[in-house]
Protein backbone atom coordinates (compact mmCIF):
# COMPACT_ATOMS: atom_id res chain seq x y z
CA MET A 1 -26.01 3.81 15.96
CA PHE A 2 -22.97 2.82 13.90
CA VAL A 3 -20.44 0.82 15.83
CA ALA A 4 -17.16 -0.28 14.17
CA ALA A 5 -16.25 -3.95 14.51
CA SER A 6 -12.58 -3.36 13.89
CA VAL A 7 -10.17 -1.08 12.09
CA ASN A 8 -7.23 -1.83 9.81
CA PHE A 9 -4.96 1.15 9.15
CA GLN A 10 -2.21 -1.14 7.73
CA SER A 11 -4.13 -2.11 4.71
CA GLY A 12 -4.81 1.57 3.75
CA TRP A 13 -1.12 2.35 4.07
CA SER A 14 -0.17 -0.72 2.05
CA THR A 15 -2.51 0.35 -0.76
CA VAL A 16 -1.19 3.89 -0.87
CA TRP A 17 2.47 2.94 -0.58
CA ASN A 18 2.27 0.15 -3.22
CA SER A 19 0.61 2.53 -5.63
CA VAL A 20 3.20 5.32 -5.00
CA SER A 21 6.17 3.07 -5.24
CA GLY A 22 4.78 1.29 -8.25
CA ALA A 23 4.32 4.55 -10.09
CA VAL A 24 7.72 6.01 -9.40
CA GLY A 25 9.76 2.78 -9.13
CA THR A 26 12.51 2.07 -6.80
CA GLN A 27 14.26 5.39 -7.20
CA LEU A 28 11.94 7.01 -4.60
CA THR A 29 12.60 4.38 -2.00
CA THR A 30 16.30 4.54 -2.64
CA LEU A 31 16.29 8.34 -2.30
CA LEU A 32 14.20 8.27 0.98
CA THR A 33 16.53 5.61 2.36
CA ALA A 34 19.57 7.72 1.62
CA ILE A 35 18.07 10.89 3.09
CA GLY A 36 17.06 8.96 6.25
CA VAL A 37 20.42 7.47 6.76
CA VAL A 38 22.12 10.83 6.33
CA LEU A 39 19.81 12.30 8.92
CA VAL A 40 20.51 9.65 11.41
CA VAL A 41 24.28 9.76 10.91
CA PHE A 42 24.14 13.61 11.15
CA ALA A 43 22.14 13.43 14.26
CA ILE A 44 24.50 11.05 15.97
CA ILE A 45 27.52 13.16 15.03
CA ARG A 46 25.86 16.39 16.18
CA TRP A 47 24.74 14.75 19.47
CA LEU A 48 28.27 13.54 20.20
CA TRP A 49 29.79 16.95 19.38
CA ASP A 50 27.23 18.67 21.58
CA ARG A 51 27.88 16.28 24.46
CA ARG A 52 31.62 16.81 24.15
CA ARG A 53 31.22 20.63 24.19
CA SER A 54 28.74 20.67 27.06
CA GLY A 55 30.62 18.33 29.35
CA PHE A 56 28.37 15.28 28.68
CA GLN A 57 25.19 17.06 29.62
CA GLY A 58 22.68 17.83 26.85
CA ASN A 59 19.23 17.76 25.44
CA HIS A 60 18.29 14.57 23.77
CA SER A 61 14.98 15.57 22.25
CA GLY A 62 16.53 16.81 19.00
CA LEU A 63 18.28 13.47 18.69
CA LEU A 64 15.07 11.48 19.18
CA TRP A 65 13.06 13.60 16.62
CA THR A 66 15.78 13.21 14.05
CA PHE A 67 16.04 9.47 14.68
CA GLY A 68 12.23 9.31 14.23
CA VAL A 69 12.19 11.16 10.99
CA GLY A 70 15.22 9.34 9.68
CA ALA A 71 13.76 5.96 10.57
CA VAL A 72 10.51 6.74 8.77
CA LEU A 73 12.30 7.99 5.69
CA ALA A 74 14.75 5.12 5.65
CA ALA A 75 12.17 2.38 5.98
CA PRO A 76 8.59 3.39 4.96
CA ASP A 77 7.90 -0.22 4.18
CA VAL A 78 8.67 -1.23 7.80
CA VAL A 79 8.33 1.62 10.27
CA ILE A 80 5.03 3.10 9.15
CA PRO A 81 3.19 -0.35 9.04
CA LEU A 82 4.61 -1.19 12.47
CA LEU A 83 3.39 2.01 13.89
CA LEU A 84 0.04 1.59 12.23
CA GLY A 85 -0.18 -2.04 13.44
CA LEU A 86 0.29 -0.77 17.02
CA ALA A 87 -2.45 1.85 16.34
CA ASP A 88 -4.64 -1.01 15.07
CA LEU A 89 -4.04 -3.03 18.18
CA VAL A 90 -4.80 -0.26 20.61
CA THR A 91 -7.87 0.97 18.60
CA ASN A 92 -9.29 -2.47 18.30
CA ALA A 93 -8.76 -3.14 21.95
CA VAL A 94 -10.64 0.08 22.87
CA ILE A 95 -13.36 -0.86 20.44
CA GLY A 96 -13.63 -4.32 21.98
CA LEU A 97 -13.61 -2.87 25.47
CA PHE A 98 -16.39 -0.26 24.89
CA GLY A 99 -18.22 -2.19 22.22
CA ASN A 100 -19.68 -4.61 24.85
CA LEU A 101 -21.25 -1.83 26.95
């Protein structure tokens, strides 16, 4: 039976992102950052406007989703490796826990 000793999602993302950003240059990262920042600013303005119109009651799920997408677009060098590092940590902990059985 095959049992994985550990996983490393971050190195796979690093390889993919370095090859993509190396092929298209810094223009792609600049464009993604600009789109991400515009999304976050638009989400904040829309959320404030909706809260003002609804008497400071409102749904925050749209704001959270837009923040998430904007953050990933604004910093693919930081956010995605951070999330994959957390996934590495959890997956390796589960493997370590059940690997000794």
